N, C-alpha and C. Protein backbone atom coordinates (compact mmCIF):
# COMPACT_ATOMS: atom_id res chain seq x y z
N UNK A 1 1.00 -1.28 0.01
CA UNK A 1 -0.21 0.04 -0.04
C UNK A 1 0.89 1.29 0.05
N UNK A 2 1.81 1.16 0.87
CA UNK A 2 2.78 2.31 0.84
C UNK A 2 3.31 2.66 -0.41
N UNK A 3 3.91 1.80 -1.11
CA UNK A 3 4.28 1.98 -2.56
C UNK A 3 3.45 2.34 -3.42
N UNK A 4 2.07 1.90 -3.32
CA UNK A 4 1.19 2.51 -4.22
C UNK A 4 0.91 3.79 -4.13
N UNK A 5 0.78 4.41 -2.79
CA UNK A 5 0.62 5.72 -2.50
C UNK A 5 1.92 6.63 -2.60
N UNK A 6 2.89 5.89 -2.97
CA UNK A 6 4.38 6.69 -3.06
C UNK A 6 4.64 7.32 -1.86
N UNK A 7 4.42 6.50 -0.51
CA UNK A 7 4.96 7.29 0.61
C UNK A 7 5.81 6.24 1.55
N UNK A 8 6.43 6.48 2.49
CA UNK A 8 7.36 5.45 3.19
C UNK A 8 6.38 4.85 4.06
N UNK A 9 6.81 3.49 4.29
CA UNK A 9 5.90 2.70 5.09
C UNK A 9 5.63 3.24 6.39
N UNK A 10 6.70 3.82 7.09
CA UNK A 10 6.65 4.54 8.34
C UNK A 10 5.57 5.69 8.33
N UNK A 11 5.31 6.20 7.20
CA UNK A 11 4.26 7.38 7.17
C UNK A 11 2.95 6.61 7.40
N UNK A 12 2.68 5.51 6.56
CA UNK A 12 1.36 4.55 7.06
C UNK A 12 1.11 4.44 8.46
N UNK A 13 2.20 3.92 9.06
CA UNK A 13 2.10 3.55 10.61
C UNK A 13 1.71 4.49 11.30
N UNK A 14 2.24 5.79 11.04
CA UNK A 14 2.00 6.80 11.73
C UNK A 14 0.43 7.33 11.69
N UNK A 15 -0.03 7.46 10.27
CA UNK A 15 -1.35 7.58 9.95
C UNK A 15 -2.34 6.60 10.70
N UNK A 16 -1.72 5.42 10.90
CA UNK A 16 -2.70 4.45 11.56
C UNK A 16 -2.84 4.88 13.19
N UNK A 17 -1.70 5.17 13.72
CA UNK A 17 -1.58 5.62 15.21
C UNK A 17 -2.42 7.00 15.32
N UNK A 18 -2.52 7.95 14.29
CA UNK A 18 -3.14 9.04 14.49
C UNK A 18 -4.65 8.91 14.44
N UNK A 19 -5.21 7.85 13.69
CA UNK A 19 -6.51 7.75 13.38
C UNK A 19 -7.66 7.94 14.55
N UNK A 20 -7.32 7.75 15.93
CA UNK A 20 -7.95 7.99 16.92
C UNK A 20 -8.31 9.72 16.98
N UNK A 21 -7.46 10.32 16.59
CA UNK A 21 -7.33 11.87 16.93
C UNK A 21 -8.33 12.60 16.22
N UNK A 22 -8.74 13.76 16.69
CA UNK A 22 -9.72 14.58 15.84
C UNK A 22 -9.49 14.67 14.36
N UNK A 23 -10.49 14.61 13.54
CA UNK A 23 -10.07 14.65 12.16
C UNK A 23 -9.39 15.72 11.61
N UNK A 24 -9.57 17.01 12.08
CA UNK A 24 -8.72 18.05 11.67
C UNK A 24 -7.32 18.07 11.84
N UNK A 25 -7.01 17.81 13.09
CA UNK A 25 -5.60 17.57 13.40
C UNK A 25 -4.98 16.35 12.98
N UNK A 26 -5.74 15.23 12.83
CA UNK A 26 -5.16 13.94 11.90
C UNK A 26 -4.68 14.55 10.58
N UNK A 27 -5.79 15.33 9.90
CA UNK A 27 -5.41 15.71 8.48
C UNK A 27 -4.31 16.67 8.32
N UNK A 28 -4.16 17.44 9.42
CA UNK A 28 -2.95 18.40 9.36
C UNK A 28 -1.47 17.50 9.71
N UNK A 29 -1.56 16.52 10.58
CA UNK A 29 -0.29 15.67 10.75
C UNK A 29 -0.06 15.04 9.49
N UNK A 30 -0.98 14.43 8.86
CA UNK A 30 -0.86 13.58 7.84
C UNK A 30 -0.25 14.32 6.60
N UNK A 31 -0.50 15.67 6.47
CA UNK A 31 -0.06 16.29 5.35
C UNK A 31 1.34 16.90 5.91
N UNK A 32 1.69 17.08 6.99
CA UNK A 32 2.90 17.50 7.66
C UNK A 32 3.90 16.38 7.34
N UNK A 33 3.47 15.13 7.86
CA UNK A 33 4.24 13.87 7.80
C UNK A 33 4.68 13.34 6.39
N UNK A 34 3.62 13.70 5.36
CA UNK A 34 3.88 13.21 4.09
C UNK A 34 4.85 14.11 3.60
N UNK A 35 4.73 15.49 3.61
CA UNK A 35 5.60 16.58 3.21
C UNK A 35 6.90 16.16 3.65
N UNK A 36 7.15 15.92 4.98
CA UNK A 36 8.53 15.41 5.55
C UNK A 36 9.17 14.17 4.92
N UNK A 37 8.07 13.19 4.72
CA UNK A 37 8.47 11.90 3.96
C UNK A 37 8.99 12.35 2.37
N UNK A 38 8.11 13.24 1.86
CA UNK A 38 8.58 13.33 0.18
C UNK A 38 9.75 14.09 0.01
N UNK A 39 10.24 14.77 1.01
CA UNK A 39 11.48 15.59 1.11
C UNK A 39 12.85 14.87 1.37
N UNK A 40 12.67 13.52 1.55
CA UNK A 40 13.79 12.66 1.79
C UNK A 40 14.51 12.46 0.72
N UNK A 41 13.87 12.54 -0.69
CA UNK A 41 14.83 12.57 -1.93
C UNK A 41 14.22 13.58 -2.71
N UNK A 42 13.64 14.76 -2.51
CA UNK A 42 13.22 15.94 -3.50
C UNK A 42 13.40 17.06 -2.62
N UNK A 43 13.03 17.93 -3.52
CA UNK A 43 13.35 19.53 -2.96
C UNK A 43 12.26 20.13 -3.04
N UNK A 44 11.97 21.31 -2.20
CA UNK A 44 11.02 22.31 -1.95
C UNK A 44 10.31 22.61 -3.35
N UNK A 45 11.31 22.92 -4.32
CA UNK A 45 10.65 23.45 -5.67
C UNK A 45 9.87 22.39 -6.26
N UNK A 46 10.13 21.17 -6.07
CA UNK A 46 9.72 19.97 -6.99
C UNK A 46 8.47 19.39 -6.29
N UNK A 47 8.02 19.78 -5.22
CA UNK A 47 6.80 19.28 -4.48
C UNK A 47 5.84 20.39 -4.17
N UNK A 48 4.69 19.93 -4.72
CA UNK A 48 3.69 20.78 -4.68
C UNK A 48 2.44 20.45 -3.42
N UNK A 49 1.65 21.43 -3.03
CA UNK A 49 0.50 20.94 -2.19
C UNK A 49 -0.16 19.87 -2.61
N UNK A 50 -0.71 20.02 -3.82
CA UNK A 50 -1.40 19.10 -4.74
C UNK A 50 -0.89 17.54 -4.62
N UNK A 51 0.40 17.48 -4.68
CA UNK A 51 1.18 16.27 -4.59
C UNK A 51 1.18 15.78 -3.29
N UNK A 52 1.43 16.55 -2.24
CA UNK A 52 1.32 16.23 -0.82
C UNK A 52 -0.04 15.56 -0.63
N UNK A 53 -1.01 16.37 -1.02
CA UNK A 53 -2.44 15.94 -0.87
C UNK A 53 -2.70 14.56 -1.24
N UNK A 54 -2.15 14.36 -2.46
CA UNK A 54 -2.53 13.06 -3.32
C UNK A 54 -1.82 11.89 -2.48
N UNK A 55 -0.64 12.28 -2.12
CA UNK A 55 0.28 11.07 -1.41
C UNK A 55 -0.34 10.80 -0.11
N UNK A 56 -1.18 11.88 0.41
CA UNK A 56 -1.84 11.87 1.92
C UNK A 56 -3.21 11.20 1.66
N UNK A 57 -3.63 11.15 0.60
CA UNK A 57 -5.00 10.66 0.58
C UNK A 57 -6.06 11.70 0.99
N UNK A 58 -5.65 12.91 1.04
CA UNK A 58 -6.53 14.08 1.21
C UNK A 58 -6.83 14.90 0.11
N UNK A 59 -7.92 15.52 0.17
CA UNK A 59 -8.50 16.31 -1.14
C UNK A 59 -7.67 17.55 -1.20
N UNK A 60 -7.46 17.79 -2.34
CA UNK A 60 -6.78 19.37 -2.46
C UNK A 60 -7.23 20.37 -1.77
N UNK A 61 -8.58 20.39 -2.04
CA UNK A 61 -9.14 21.36 -1.30
C UNK A 61 -9.19 21.41 0.34
N UNK A 62 -9.08 20.41 0.69
CA UNK A 62 -8.92 20.06 2.33
C UNK A 62 -7.49 20.59 2.67
N UNK A 63 -6.51 20.38 1.88
CA UNK A 63 -5.05 20.53 2.06
C UNK A 63 -5.04 22.13 1.97
N UNK A 64 -5.63 22.83 1.21
CA UNK A 64 -5.56 24.30 1.00
C UNK A 64 -6.38 24.86 2.16
N UNK A 65 -7.20 24.29 2.65
CA UNK A 65 -8.26 24.84 3.85
C UNK A 65 -7.58 24.62 5.00
N UNK A 66 -6.45 23.60 5.13
CA UNK A 66 -5.74 23.25 6.34
C UNK A 66 -4.39 24.31 6.30
N UNK A 67 -4.05 24.29 5.28
CA UNK A 67 -2.95 25.49 4.95
C UNK A 67 -2.89 26.43 4.07
N UNK A 68 -2.51 27.55 4.49
CA UNK A 68 -2.77 28.78 3.37
C UNK A 68 -2.07 28.42 2.16
N UNK A 69 -0.92 27.69 2.06
CA UNK A 69 -0.32 27.59 0.74
C UNK A 69 0.95 26.67 0.96
N UNK A 70 1.66 26.57 0.01
CA UNK A 70 2.96 25.67 0.17
C UNK A 70 3.98 26.14 1.05
N UNK A 71 4.22 27.49 1.18
CA UNK A 71 5.23 27.89 2.22
C UNK A 71 4.79 27.50 3.71
N UNK A 72 3.38 27.61 3.85
CA UNK A 72 2.83 27.38 5.18
C UNK A 72 2.80 26.02 5.58
N UNK A 73 2.68 25.18 4.49
CA UNK A 73 2.85 23.60 4.86
C UNK A 73 4.21 23.21 5.03
N UNK A 74 5.07 23.65 4.34
CA UNK A 74 6.45 23.43 4.63
C UNK A 74 7.13 23.84 5.71
N UNK A 75 6.71 25.09 6.16
CA UNK A 75 7.18 25.59 7.53
C UNK A 75 6.80 24.72 8.49
N UNK A 76 5.55 24.29 8.49
CA UNK A 76 4.95 23.48 9.56
C UNK A 76 5.55 22.29 9.58
N UNK A 77 6.15 21.76 8.49
CA UNK A 77 6.88 20.35 8.39
C UNK A 77 8.30 20.72 8.98
N UNK A 78 8.87 21.79 8.57
CA UNK A 78 10.02 22.03 9.42
C UNK A 78 9.92 22.08 10.93
N UNK A 79 8.85 22.90 11.24
CA UNK A 79 8.75 23.25 12.79
C UNK A 79 8.50 21.91 13.62
N UNK A 80 7.51 21.11 12.92
CA UNK A 80 7.35 19.84 13.61
C UNK A 80 8.54 19.08 13.68
N UNK A 81 9.37 18.96 12.84
CA UNK A 81 10.65 18.12 12.79
C UNK A 81 11.31 18.58 14.03
N UNK A 82 11.50 20.02 14.02
CA UNK A 82 12.50 20.48 15.16
C UNK A 82 11.74 20.49 16.65
N UNK A 83 10.39 20.36 16.55
CA UNK A 83 9.80 19.95 17.94
C UNK A 83 10.19 18.55 18.34
N UNK A 84 10.03 17.57 17.43
CA UNK A 84 10.31 16.12 17.55
C UNK A 84 11.75 16.07 18.15
N UNK A 85 12.66 16.97 17.52
CA UNK A 85 14.16 16.80 17.74
C UNK A 85 14.44 17.44 19.12
N UNK A 86 13.81 18.42 19.46
CA UNK A 86 14.16 18.98 20.54
C UNK A 86 13.68 17.96 21.88
N UNK A 87 12.41 17.17 21.60
CA UNK A 87 12.01 16.33 22.72
C UNK A 87 13.03 15.21 22.60
N UNK A 88 13.56 14.55 21.57
CA UNK A 88 14.42 13.78 21.53
C UNK A 88 15.70 13.95 22.26
N UNK A 89 16.29 14.97 22.03
CA UNK A 89 17.50 15.51 22.85
C UNK A 89 17.07 15.59 24.38
N UNK A 90 16.09 16.13 24.67
CA UNK A 90 15.65 16.60 26.08
C UNK A 90 15.60 15.00 26.87
N UNK A 91 14.86 13.87 26.21
CA UNK A 91 14.84 12.80 26.71
C UNK A 91 16.16 11.88 26.72
N UNK A 92 16.94 12.21 25.75
CA UNK A 92 18.34 11.56 25.89
C UNK A 92 19.18 12.03 26.91
N UNK A 93 19.05 13.51 27.02
CA UNK A 93 20.01 14.25 28.12
C UNK A 93 19.48 13.98 29.43
N UNK A 94 18.33 13.57 29.54
CA UNK A 94 17.82 13.31 31.04
C UNK A 94 18.30 11.79 31.49
N UNK A 95 18.52 10.80 30.38
CA UNK A 95 18.93 9.55 30.65
C UNK A 95 20.34 9.42 30.71
N UNK A 96 21.06 10.51 30.54
CA UNK A 96 22.56 10.25 30.16
C UNK A 96 23.28 10.41 31.71
N UNK A 97 24.36 10.15 31.83
CA UNK A 97 25.33 10.20 33.15
C UNK A 97 26.19 11.24 32.70
N UNK A 98 26.21 12.57 33.13
CA UNK A 98 26.79 13.64 32.60
C UNK A 98 28.35 13.90 33.36
N UNK A 99 29.50 14.14 32.50
CA UNK A 99 30.68 14.34 33.24
C UNK A 99 30.47 15.61 34.07
N UNK A 100 31.58 15.80 35.10
CA UNK A 100 31.55 16.87 36.08
C UNK A 100 32.25 17.99 35.32
N UNK A 101 33.07 17.78 34.38
CA UNK A 101 33.70 18.86 33.77
C UNK A 101 33.10 19.47 32.53
N UNK A 102 33.07 20.69 32.51
CA UNK A 102 32.22 21.55 31.29
C UNK A 102 32.60 20.83 29.83
N UNK A 103 33.97 20.75 29.72
CA UNK A 103 34.43 20.17 28.47
C UNK A 103 33.97 18.96 28.02
N UNK A 104 33.87 17.98 29.08
CA UNK A 104 32.98 16.80 29.14
C UNK A 104 31.78 16.72 28.72
N UNK A 105 31.08 17.79 29.37
CA UNK A 105 29.82 17.99 29.11
C UNK A 105 29.63 18.68 27.78
N UNK A 106 30.43 19.32 27.21
CA UNK A 106 30.34 19.87 25.94
C UNK A 106 30.28 18.64 24.86
N UNK A 107 31.29 17.58 25.01
CA UNK A 107 31.26 16.69 24.20
C UNK A 107 30.13 15.60 24.49
N UNK A 108 29.65 15.52 25.58
CA UNK A 108 28.43 14.86 25.83
C UNK A 108 27.29 15.05 24.94
N UNK A 109 27.15 16.66 25.01
CA UNK A 109 25.88 17.32 24.58
C UNK A 109 25.93 17.29 23.19
N UNK A 110 27.14 17.48 22.54
CA UNK A 110 27.19 17.16 21.03
C UNK A 110 26.88 15.78 20.47
N UNK A 111 27.42 14.97 21.17
CA UNK A 111 27.21 13.42 20.66
C UNK A 111 25.63 13.07 21.10
N UNK A 112 25.09 13.53 22.10
CA UNK A 112 23.67 13.36 22.42
C UNK A 112 22.72 13.93 21.21
N UNK A 113 23.02 14.99 21.02
CA UNK A 113 22.45 15.73 19.75
C UNK A 113 22.52 15.08 18.63
N UNK A 114 23.76 14.70 18.11
CA UNK A 114 23.86 13.97 17.03
C UNK A 114 23.20 12.79 16.87
N UNK A 115 23.29 12.00 17.98
CA UNK A 115 22.39 10.72 17.95
C UNK A 115 20.86 10.95 17.85
N UNK A 116 20.53 11.99 18.41
CA UNK A 116 19.29 12.18 18.44
C UNK A 116 18.70 12.79 17.17
N UNK A 117 19.46 13.35 16.36
CA UNK A 117 19.22 14.00 15.02
C UNK A 117 19.10 12.80 14.11
N UNK A 118 19.92 11.56 14.22
CA UNK A 118 19.87 10.48 13.22
C UNK A 118 18.91 9.79 13.53
N UNK A 119 18.32 9.55 14.75
CA UNK A 119 17.27 8.89 15.31
C UNK A 119 15.86 9.51 15.17
N UNK A 120 15.88 10.60 14.50
CA UNK A 120 14.51 11.25 14.55
C UNK A 120 14.22 11.27 12.98
N UNK A 121 13.27 10.51 12.83
CA UNK A 121 13.08 10.24 11.32
C UNK A 121 12.84 11.74 10.33
N UNK A 122 12.23 12.48 11.02
CA UNK A 122 12.00 13.88 10.34
C UNK A 122 13.13 15.00 10.25
N UNK A 123 14.17 14.78 10.91
CA UNK A 123 15.29 15.59 11.10
C UNK A 123 15.91 16.12 9.82
N UNK A 124 15.78 14.99 8.58
CA UNK A 124 16.30 15.27 7.49
C UNK A 124 15.96 16.77 6.80
N UNK A 125 14.86 17.16 7.13
CA UNK A 125 14.23 18.29 6.71
C UNK A 125 14.92 19.58 7.24
N UNK A 126 15.74 19.38 8.31
CA UNK A 126 16.48 20.32 9.05
C UNK A 126 17.70 20.52 8.44
N UNK A 127 18.39 19.49 7.97
CA UNK A 127 19.83 19.58 7.50
C UNK A 127 19.92 19.28 5.92
N UNK A 128 19.12 18.61 5.41
CA UNK A 128 19.44 18.36 3.88
C UNK A 128 19.06 19.80 3.48
N UNK A 129 19.91 20.02 2.23
CA UNK A 129 19.54 21.18 1.44
C UNK A 129 18.30 20.99 0.46
N UNK A 130 17.24 21.41 1.03
CA UNK A 130 15.96 21.03 0.14
C UNK A 130 15.32 22.36 -0.22
N UNK A 131 15.98 23.61 0.05
CA UNK A 131 15.47 24.72 -0.30
C UNK A 131 14.18 25.26 0.12
N UNK A 132 13.88 24.83 1.50
CA UNK A 132 12.80 25.42 2.15
C UNK A 132 13.07 26.85 2.59
N UNK A 133 12.15 27.72 2.36
CA UNK A 133 12.47 29.32 2.84
C UNK A 133 12.19 29.18 4.40
N UNK A 134 13.23 29.75 5.01
CA UNK A 134 13.01 30.03 6.71
C UNK A 134 12.43 31.34 6.90
N UNK A 135 11.37 30.97 7.81
CA UNK A 135 10.23 32.02 8.29
C UNK A 135 10.60 32.24 9.66
N UNK A 136 11.49 31.54 10.58
CA UNK A 136 11.41 31.69 11.92
C UNK A 136 10.67 30.45 12.50
N UNK A 137 10.24 30.57 13.76
CA UNK A 137 9.72 29.32 14.21
C UNK A 137 10.50 28.33 15.08
N UNK A 138 9.90 27.38 15.50
CA UNK A 138 10.60 26.27 16.50
C UNK A 138 12.17 25.80 15.70
N UNK A 139 11.93 25.79 14.29
CA UNK A 139 13.32 25.55 13.71
C UNK A 139 14.43 26.29 14.01
N UNK A 140 14.21 27.71 13.71
CA UNK A 140 15.15 28.75 14.04
C UNK A 140 15.37 28.98 15.54
N UNK A 141 14.46 29.01 16.16
CA UNK A 141 14.53 29.10 17.76
C UNK A 141 15.47 27.90 18.28
N UNK A 142 15.12 26.69 17.55
CA UNK A 142 16.20 25.60 18.12
C UNK A 142 17.56 25.75 17.65
N UNK A 143 17.77 26.24 16.58
CA UNK A 143 19.19 26.38 16.11
C UNK A 143 19.79 27.52 16.80
N UNK A 144 19.33 28.64 17.39
CA UNK A 144 19.68 29.63 18.08
C UNK A 144 19.82 29.08 19.60
N UNK A 145 18.92 28.29 19.98
CA UNK A 145 19.18 27.82 21.49
C UNK A 145 20.35 26.93 21.60
N UNK A 146 20.49 26.07 20.30
CA UNK A 146 21.89 24.99 20.36
C UNK A 146 23.00 25.76 20.44
N UNK A 147 23.11 26.97 19.70
CA UNK A 147 24.29 27.81 19.60
C UNK A 147 24.49 28.44 21.23
N UNK A 148 23.43 29.07 21.79
CA UNK A 148 23.39 29.10 23.08
C UNK A 148 24.05 28.29 24.09
N UNK A 149 23.67 27.11 23.79
CA UNK A 149 23.85 25.88 24.56
C UNK A 149 25.32 25.63 24.69
N UNK A 150 26.02 25.73 23.56
CA UNK A 150 27.30 25.40 23.13
C UNK A 150 28.15 26.46 23.79
N UNK A 151 27.73 27.78 23.66
CA UNK A 151 28.33 28.83 24.24
C UNK A 151 28.51 28.76 25.61
N UNK A 152 27.24 28.39 26.32
CA UNK A 152 27.43 28.63 27.90
C UNK A 152 28.33 27.34 28.22
N UNK A 153 28.44 26.18 27.64
CA UNK A 153 29.32 25.11 28.02
C UNK A 153 30.89 25.49 27.78
N UNK A 154 31.05 26.47 26.83
CA UNK A 154 32.34 26.94 26.42
C UNK A 154 32.53 27.72 27.72
N UNK A 155 31.73 28.82 27.91
CA UNK A 155 31.93 29.79 29.01
C UNK A 155 32.22 28.99 30.27
N UNK A 156 31.53 28.05 30.60
CA UNK A 156 31.98 27.31 31.88
C UNK A 156 33.28 26.72 31.86
N UNK A 157 33.64 26.45 30.64
CA UNK A 157 35.06 25.62 30.69
C UNK A 157 36.03 26.78 30.72
N UNK A 158 35.76 27.99 30.36
CA UNK A 158 36.84 28.98 30.68
C UNK A 158 36.67 29.28 32.12
N UNK A 159 35.48 29.56 32.81
CA UNK A 159 35.61 29.87 34.15
C UNK A 159 36.15 28.69 34.97
N UNK A 160 36.18 27.53 34.62
CA UNK A 160 36.63 26.22 35.31
C UNK A 160 38.18 26.02 34.97
N UNK A 161 38.63 27.05 34.16
CA UNK A 161 40.17 26.85 33.84
C UNK A 161 40.56 25.63 32.86
N UNK A 162 39.51 24.93 32.05
CA UNK A 162 39.74 24.18 31.21
C UNK A 162 40.10 24.63 29.54
N UNK A 163 39.34 25.76 29.41
CA UNK A 163 39.51 26.35 28.22
C UNK A 163 40.20 27.55 28.22
N UNK A 164 40.98 28.04 27.31
CA UNK A 164 41.75 29.18 27.08
C UNK A 164 40.85 30.58 27.40
N UNK A 165 41.17 31.33 28.07
CA UNK A 165 40.45 32.52 28.50
C UNK A 165 40.21 33.42 27.36
N UNK A 166 41.06 33.55 26.32
CA UNK A 166 40.95 34.27 25.18
C UNK A 166 39.96 33.88 23.98
N UNK A 167 39.20 32.69 24.18
CA UNK A 167 38.63 32.11 23.25
C UNK A 167 37.48 32.87 23.11
N UNK A 168 37.01 33.15 21.70
CA UNK A 168 35.88 34.09 21.33
C UNK A 168 34.50 32.94 21.58
N UNK A 169 33.98 33.13 22.64
CA UNK A 169 32.89 32.15 23.09
C UNK A 169 31.93 32.04 21.86
N UNK A 170 31.17 33.05 21.46
CA UNK A 170 30.17 32.98 20.66
C UNK A 170 30.75 32.53 19.07
N UNK A 171 31.76 33.11 18.69
CA UNK A 171 32.35 32.79 17.50
C UNK A 171 32.81 31.25 17.33
N UNK A 172 33.03 30.58 18.36
CA UNK A 172 33.67 29.30 18.51
C UNK A 172 32.50 28.44 18.48
N UNK A 173 31.34 28.90 19.27
CA UNK A 173 29.93 28.16 19.50
C UNK A 173 29.28 28.01 17.78
N UNK A 174 29.70 29.21 17.14
CA UNK A 174 28.86 29.05 15.87
C UNK A 174 29.61 28.29 15.11
N UNK A 175 30.96 28.21 15.10
CA UNK A 175 32.04 27.32 14.27
C UNK A 175 31.49 25.76 14.31
N UNK A 176 31.38 25.54 15.79
CA UNK A 176 31.07 24.02 16.08
C UNK A 176 29.91 23.67 15.61
N UNK A 177 28.68 24.57 15.81
CA UNK A 177 27.47 24.33 15.14
C UNK A 177 27.20 24.27 13.60
N UNK A 178 28.04 25.05 13.25
CA UNK A 178 28.10 25.04 11.53
C UNK A 178 28.83 23.68 11.25
N UNK A 179 29.97 23.39 11.73
CA UNK A 179 30.52 22.11 11.67
C UNK A 179 29.65 20.86 11.72
N UNK A 180 28.84 20.93 12.89
CA UNK A 180 28.06 19.92 13.05
C UNK A 180 26.84 19.80 12.25
N UNK A 181 26.25 20.85 11.49
CA UNK A 181 25.05 20.94 10.46
C UNK A 181 25.88 20.32 9.27
N UNK A 182 27.02 20.45 8.97
CA UNK A 182 27.63 19.98 7.54
C UNK A 182 27.89 18.40 7.85
N UNK A 183 28.00 17.92 8.85
CA UNK A 183 28.30 16.68 9.29
C UNK A 183 26.86 16.06 8.97
N UNK A 184 25.70 16.69 9.65
CA UNK A 184 24.40 16.35 9.62
C UNK A 184 23.89 16.06 8.08
N UNK A 185 24.12 17.07 7.24
CA UNK A 185 23.88 16.99 5.96
C UNK A 185 24.32 15.96 5.06
N UNK A 186 25.73 15.56 5.52
CA UNK A 186 26.33 14.44 4.92
C UNK A 186 25.51 13.17 5.25
N UNK A 187 25.25 13.11 6.38
CA UNK A 187 24.54 11.61 6.82
C UNK A 187 23.25 11.73 6.04
N UNK A 188 22.39 12.67 5.97
CA UNK A 188 20.96 12.62 5.27
C UNK A 188 21.40 12.53 3.68
N UNK A 189 22.56 12.59 3.27
CA UNK A 189 22.81 12.37 1.92
C UNK A 189 23.46 11.33 1.80
N UNK A 190 23.66 10.22 2.83
CA UNK A 190 24.29 8.95 2.47
C UNK A 190 25.17 8.47 3.28
N UNK A 191 25.94 9.44 4.15
CA UNK A 191 27.01 9.06 4.79
C UNK A 191 26.65 8.32 5.98
N UNK A 192 27.69 7.36 6.44
CA UNK A 192 27.36 6.48 7.79
C UNK A 192 27.37 7.22 9.14
N UNK A 193 25.95 7.07 9.71
CA UNK A 193 25.84 7.88 10.95
C UNK A 193 26.73 7.36 11.99
N UNK A 194 27.25 6.25 12.16
CA UNK A 194 28.13 5.79 13.26
C UNK A 194 29.40 6.87 13.07
N UNK A 195 29.97 7.06 11.75
CA UNK A 195 31.04 7.37 11.49
C UNK A 195 30.72 9.04 11.85
N UNK A 196 29.54 9.47 11.61
CA UNK A 196 29.30 11.06 11.87
C UNK A 196 29.36 11.18 13.33
N UNK A 197 28.70 10.32 14.05
CA UNK A 197 28.85 10.60 15.74
C UNK A 197 30.27 10.60 16.20
N UNK A 198 31.18 9.91 15.51
CA UNK A 198 32.44 10.12 15.87
C UNK A 198 33.13 11.16 15.79
N UNK A 199 33.01 11.66 14.43
CA UNK A 199 33.10 12.93 13.99
C UNK A 199 32.80 14.17 15.13
N UNK A 200 31.63 14.01 15.25
CA UNK A 200 30.92 15.20 16.11
C UNK A 200 31.60 15.18 17.41
N UNK A 201 31.87 13.86 17.83
CA UNK A 201 32.38 13.75 19.04
C UNK A 201 33.70 14.53 19.20
N UNK A 202 34.62 14.53 18.21
CA UNK A 202 35.88 15.10 17.92
C UNK A 202 35.89 16.53 17.87
N UNK A 203 34.78 17.21 17.69
CA UNK A 203 34.44 18.58 17.67
C UNK A 203 34.97 19.31 18.59
N UNK A 204 35.06 18.73 20.02
CA UNK A 204 35.49 19.36 21.16
C UNK A 204 36.83 19.61 21.07
N UNK A 205 37.61 19.11 20.11
CA UNK A 205 38.97 19.39 20.11
C UNK A 205 39.29 20.78 19.50
N UNK A 206 38.14 21.32 18.72
CA UNK A 206 38.46 22.60 18.13
C UNK A 206 38.51 23.75 19.19
N UNK A 207 38.15 23.34 20.36
CA UNK A 207 38.04 24.49 21.46
C UNK A 207 39.50 24.50 21.98
N UNK A 208 40.42 25.42 22.11
CA UNK A 208 41.68 25.56 22.69
C UNK A 208 41.55 25.25 24.05
N UNK A 209 42.41 24.36 24.82
CA UNK A 209 42.59 24.16 26.02
C UNK A 209 43.58 25.31 26.79
N UNK A 210 43.18 25.39 28.16
CA UNK A 210 43.99 26.47 28.70
C UNK A 210 45.56 26.07 28.91
N UNK A 211 45.70 24.79 28.80
CA UNK A 211 47.28 24.43 28.60
C UNK A 211 47.46 24.45 27.47
N UNK A 212 47.05 24.78 26.42
CA UNK A 212 47.31 24.92 24.82
C UNK A 212 46.98 23.64 24.25
N UNK A 213 46.59 23.90 23.00
CA UNK A 213 46.08 22.85 22.19
C UNK A 213 44.55 22.56 22.33
N UNK A 214 44.21 21.53 21.86
CA UNK A 214 42.68 21.20 21.89
C UNK A 214 42.34 20.07 22.97
N UNK A 215 41.22 19.71 22.99
CA UNK A 215 40.73 18.68 24.00
C UNK A 215 40.58 17.43 23.20
N UNK A 216 40.46 16.33 24.33
CA UNK A 216 40.26 15.06 23.62
C UNK A 216 38.82 14.98 23.24
N UNK A 217 38.71 14.09 22.09
CA UNK A 217 37.34 13.58 21.75
C UNK A 217 36.60 13.01 22.62
N UNK A 218 35.18 13.31 22.51
CA UNK A 218 34.00 12.64 23.52
C UNK A 218 34.05 11.04 23.21
N UNK A 219 33.96 10.37 24.24
CA UNK A 219 33.67 8.80 24.29
C UNK A 219 32.47 8.67 24.82
N UNK A 220 31.10 8.73 24.38
CA UNK A 220 29.93 8.49 25.04
C UNK A 220 29.42 7.10 24.72
N UNK A 221 29.00 6.50 25.40
CA UNK A 221 28.41 5.15 25.21
C UNK A 221 27.02 5.33 25.21
């Protein structure tokens, strides 16, 4: 059935789980999840609301009644992915045993984030270059909050004497975050997630230590 509809089998499973919900909310989620699914191997410009509606089993009129237009639908798809990812990182962070030192915490945080990203099925829309116009919302808030979290851990490392005092905290946080986004994009284009997690764990070495040089990579199990 999934092949006939042109959607991923996981999408059909989600539809079945959503069947008990309010019809309007179920339709909204079905369109959002189908849009996410279609963006696994397509771009924003190549997908239309009509195509998403057809693959969702939703009438075009209903789709346009649910979303004002294409930009509205795909922004919702991006924001939904960000919301799922934030929840996944929060859950994994709660279950983790955190190191006492800020640099160790930074490595742990980066690794948990990477693993959560690769385990969140919709996260590809946040990192693949699919051409979705950014309009603010949870996706952009999440990115800014992530940079803030990395910057806070770097600042704590400076205060604790682990990181060189002359480090430009904000710039370094942005560089690390940008490097992670590049690694994540590679994964969603086919790179090995396990290799990517190891690479992310080594990004902590980009932060100069107070004693000179970088820090050891994170080993998170």
